[in-house]
Amino acid sequence: MLKIQEIRELIKLVDQSSIDEFTFEHDGSKIKMKKHNDNTGSVMKHVNQEVQQAPAAVQETVQQAPTAVAAPVAVQAEAPKSVEAASTENLHKITSPMVGTFYAAPSPDTENYVKVGDRVNTNKVVCIVEAMKLFNEIEAEVNGEIVEILVKNGQLVEYGQPLFLVKPE
C-alpha cells in the first residue's frame, strides 16, 4: 500500500513527464492518473469506484487523503500549495544513498545518533543504512537543526528516500 506522500510524488512525476495516462497496480489496489482530461468528474467517479473495490486499509487511506490526490494531475498542478509543502520548502532533506535498512543508533543498546531538536554539522553521522551486511554511516550534509525524523528504526528505505528534515543555519 502506498503512503500519501508517495502518491503525491507519483502525481508530481506524472505531471512533469510527457505521458498522458498512468496506471499503478499493487497488492489488489489500483491508482490511475490521466493528464489533460476535460471530464474530471468521470475520472473522480472512476477512482472512487476503484477505491470501493480495494481492500479496507486502502479505502481508509484514500478516503482520508486530500481531494487533490484523487483528482487528475492537471487539477493538482493548478491547486495552491498545501500548508505542509510550504512549511517544508526551506528544509533540507537528508536522503538515503541506497536501498537498505535504517538504523538510528550504532547498536541496539546505545542512544540514537540524533533526535529532533539536535544541532548537526556537515560531518555529523545521523544514522546507518545497512545493505548486504555493510553498515554505511550517513552524514548530515548540512549545518542545522533536525526538525523531523521521517523513518523508524529498522525500517527498509529506498534509494533517494528522505530520512530527516533539517532546518539549515
Protein backbone atom coordinates (compact mmCIF):
# COMPACT_ATOMS: atom_id res chain seq x y z
CA MET A 1 0.00 0.00 0.00
CA LEU A 2 1.35 3.40 -0.97
CA LYS A 3 1.59 6.24 1.50
CA ILE A 4 0.00 9.60 0.72
CA GLN A 5 3.45 11.18 0.29
CA GLU A 6 4.35 8.51 -2.29
CA ILE A 7 1.09 9.10 -4.15
CA ARG A 8 1.78 12.84 -4.23
CA GLU A 9 5.26 12.17 -5.59
CA LEU A 10 3.79 9.93 -8.30
CA ILE A 11 1.39 12.73 -9.25
CA LYS A 12 4.25 15.20 -9.50
CA LEU A 13 6.35 12.81 -11.62
CA VAL A 14 3.47 12.10 -13.99
CA ASP A 15 2.72 15.81 -14.25
CA GLN A 16 6.34 16.59 -15.19
CA SER A 17 6.56 13.76 -17.72
CA SER A 18 5.24 13.57 -21.28
CA ILE A 19 2.91 10.64 -20.58
CA ASP A 20 -0.85 11.29 -20.61
CA GLU A 21 -2.04 8.28 -18.62
CA PHE A 22 -0.51 6.25 -15.79
CA THR A 23 -1.84 3.15 -14.01
CA PHE A 24 -0.24 1.55 -10.95
CA GLU A 25 -1.45 -1.77 -9.51
CA HIS A 26 -0.03 -3.40 -6.39
CA ASP A 27 -1.49 -5.94 -3.93
CA GLY A 28 -5.06 -5.50 -5.15
CA SER A 29 -5.05 -1.69 -5.11
CA LYS A 30 -5.03 0.40 -8.26
CA ILE A 31 -4.17 4.04 -8.94
CA LYS A 32 -4.96 5.53 -12.33
CA MET A 33 -3.96 9.06 -13.36
CA LYS A 34 -4.74 10.95 -16.56
CA LYS A 35 -3.49 14.33 -17.77
CA HIS A 36 -5.29 16.84 -19.97
CA ASN A 37 -8.74 15.36 -19.47
CA ASP A 38 -11.67 17.80 -19.73
CA ASN A 39 -14.05 15.40 -17.99
CA THR A 40 -12.69 15.48 -14.44
CA GLY A 41 -15.97 14.23 -12.95
CA SER A 42 -15.69 10.86 -14.69
CA VAL A 43 -12.10 10.45 -13.52
CA MET A 44 -13.12 11.14 -9.92
CA LYS A 45 -16.01 8.68 -10.25
CA HIS A 46 -13.68 6.06 -11.74
CA VAL A 47 -11.15 6.49 -8.91
CA ASN A 48 -13.88 6.36 -6.26
CA GLN A 49 -15.29 3.13 -7.74
CA GLU A 50 -11.81 1.56 -7.64
CA VAL A 51 -11.36 2.67 -4.03
CA GLN A 52 -14.63 0.97 -3.07
CA GLN A 53 -13.35 -2.29 -4.57
CA ALA A 54 -9.94 -2.00 -2.86
CA PRO A 55 -9.06 -3.61 0.50
CA ALA A 56 -10.41 -1.81 3.59
CA ALA A 57 -7.00 -0.42 4.63
CA VAL A 58 -6.51 1.15 1.19
CA GLN A 59 -10.05 2.57 1.21
CA GLU A 60 -9.43 4.23 4.56
CA THR A 61 -6.11 5.74 3.44
CA VAL A 62 -7.50 7.13 0.19
CA GLN A 63 -10.67 8.45 1.84
CA GLN A 64 -8.54 10.35 4.37
CA ALA A 65 -6.33 11.75 1.60
CA PRO A 66 -6.80 15.28 0.31
CA THR A 67 -9.15 15.54 -2.69
CA ALA A 68 -6.25 16.67 -4.89
CA VAL A 69 -4.69 13.19 -4.61
CA ALA A 70 -7.63 11.55 -6.39
CA ALA A 71 -8.05 14.42 -8.88
CA PRO A 72 -6.45 14.44 -12.32
CA VAL A 73 -2.88 15.66 -12.47
CA ALA A 74 -3.84 18.83 -14.36
CA VAL A 75 -6.12 19.86 -11.48
CA GLN A 76 -3.37 19.06 -8.94
CA ALA A 77 -0.92 21.31 -10.77
CA GLU A 78 -3.35 24.24 -10.63
CA ALA A 79 -4.20 23.83 -6.95
CA PRO A 80 -2.43 26.10 -4.45
CA LYS A 81 0.43 24.61 -2.47
CA SER A 82 -0.60 22.92 0.74
CA VAL A 83 0.47 24.25 4.11
CA GLU A 84 2.63 21.15 4.64
CA ALA A 85 4.50 21.65 1.36
CA ALA A 86 5.06 25.34 2.09
CA SER A 87 6.46 24.60 5.55
CA THR A 88 8.97 22.00 4.24
CA GLU A 89 10.19 24.01 1.23
CA ASN A 90 13.02 25.70 3.12
CA LEU A 91 14.11 22.49 4.88
CA HIS A 92 16.98 20.30 3.70
CA LYS A 93 16.18 16.61 3.21
CA ILE A 94 18.83 14.09 4.15
CA THR A 95 18.10 11.19 1.80
CA SER A 96 19.16 7.57 1.69
CA PRO A 97 22.02 7.00 -0.76
CA MET A 98 20.99 3.34 -1.20
CA VAL A 99 18.36 0.70 -0.59
CA GLY A 100 18.78 -0.84 2.84
CA THR A 101 17.70 -0.89 6.47
CA PHE A 102 17.66 2.35 8.50
CA TYR A 103 19.24 2.28 11.96
CA ALA A 104 19.05 5.32 14.24
CA ALA A 105 21.82 4.09 16.57
CA PRO A 106 25.15 2.27 16.20
CA SER A 107 23.81 -0.67 18.24
CA PRO A 108 20.52 -1.62 19.94
CA ASP A 109 21.81 -0.79 23.43
CA THR A 110 23.14 2.72 22.62
CA GLU A 111 21.43 6.07 22.14
CA ASN A 112 20.33 7.31 18.73
CA TYR A 113 22.80 9.39 16.73
CA VAL A 114 20.35 12.32 16.66
CA LYS A 115 16.89 13.27 17.85
CA VAL A 116 14.50 16.08 16.92
CA GLY A 117 15.94 19.40 18.04
CA ASP A 118 19.61 18.33 17.83
CA ARG A 119 22.07 20.59 16.04
CA VAL A 120 24.15 18.89 13.35
CA ASN A 121 27.06 19.85 11.13
CA THR A 122 28.13 18.54 7.74
CA ASN A 123 30.34 15.79 9.22
CA LYS A 124 27.89 14.59 11.90
CA VAL A 125 26.73 10.98 11.46
CA VAL A 126 22.93 10.93 11.73
CA CYS A 127 22.17 7.25 11.06
CA ILE A 128 23.32 4.00 9.48
CA VAL A 129 21.87 2.37 6.38
CA GLU A 130 22.73 -1.33 6.23
CA ALA A 131 22.87 -3.01 2.85
CA MET A 132 24.10 -6.57 2.35
CA LYS A 133 25.78 -6.68 5.78
CA LEU A 134 27.66 -3.41 5.11
CA PHE A 135 26.86 -0.66 7.61
CA ASN A 136 27.10 2.74 5.90
CA GLU A 137 27.23 5.84 8.09
CA ILE A 138 25.10 8.67 6.71
CA GLU A 139 26.28 12.22 7.42
CA ALA A 140 24.11 15.33 7.78
CA GLU A 141 25.47 17.11 4.66
CA VAL A 142 24.39 20.48 6.10
CA ASN A 143 24.71 22.58 9.24
CA GLY A 144 21.38 22.97 11.01
CA GLU A 145 18.77 21.56 13.36
CA ILE A 146 16.94 18.24 13.00
CA VAL A 147 13.26 19.14 12.57
CA GLU A 148 11.78 15.73 11.80
CA ILE A 149 12.84 12.09 11.57
CA LEU A 150 10.86 10.59 8.69
CA VAL A 151 11.58 6.86 9.20
CA LYS A 152 11.53 4.42 12.08
CA ASN A 153 14.43 2.35 13.39
CA GLY A 154 14.72 -0.93 11.47
CA GLN A 155 12.59 0.32 8.56
CA LEU A 156 13.53 -0.57 4.99
CA VAL A 157 14.41 2.52 2.95
CA GLU A 158 14.70 3.13 -0.77
CA TYR A 159 17.35 4.99 -2.74
CA GLY A 160 16.62 8.72 -2.51
CA GLN A 161 14.01 8.34 0.24
CA PRO A 162 14.05 11.28 2.68
CA LEU A 163 15.24 10.24 6.14
CA PHE A 164 15.47 13.55 8.01
CA LEU A 165 14.31 17.14 7.59
CA VAL A 166 16.91 19.70 8.67
CA LYS A 167 16.42 23.43 9.12
CA PRO A 168 19.65 24.84 7.64
CA GLU A 169 21.56 27.55 9.51
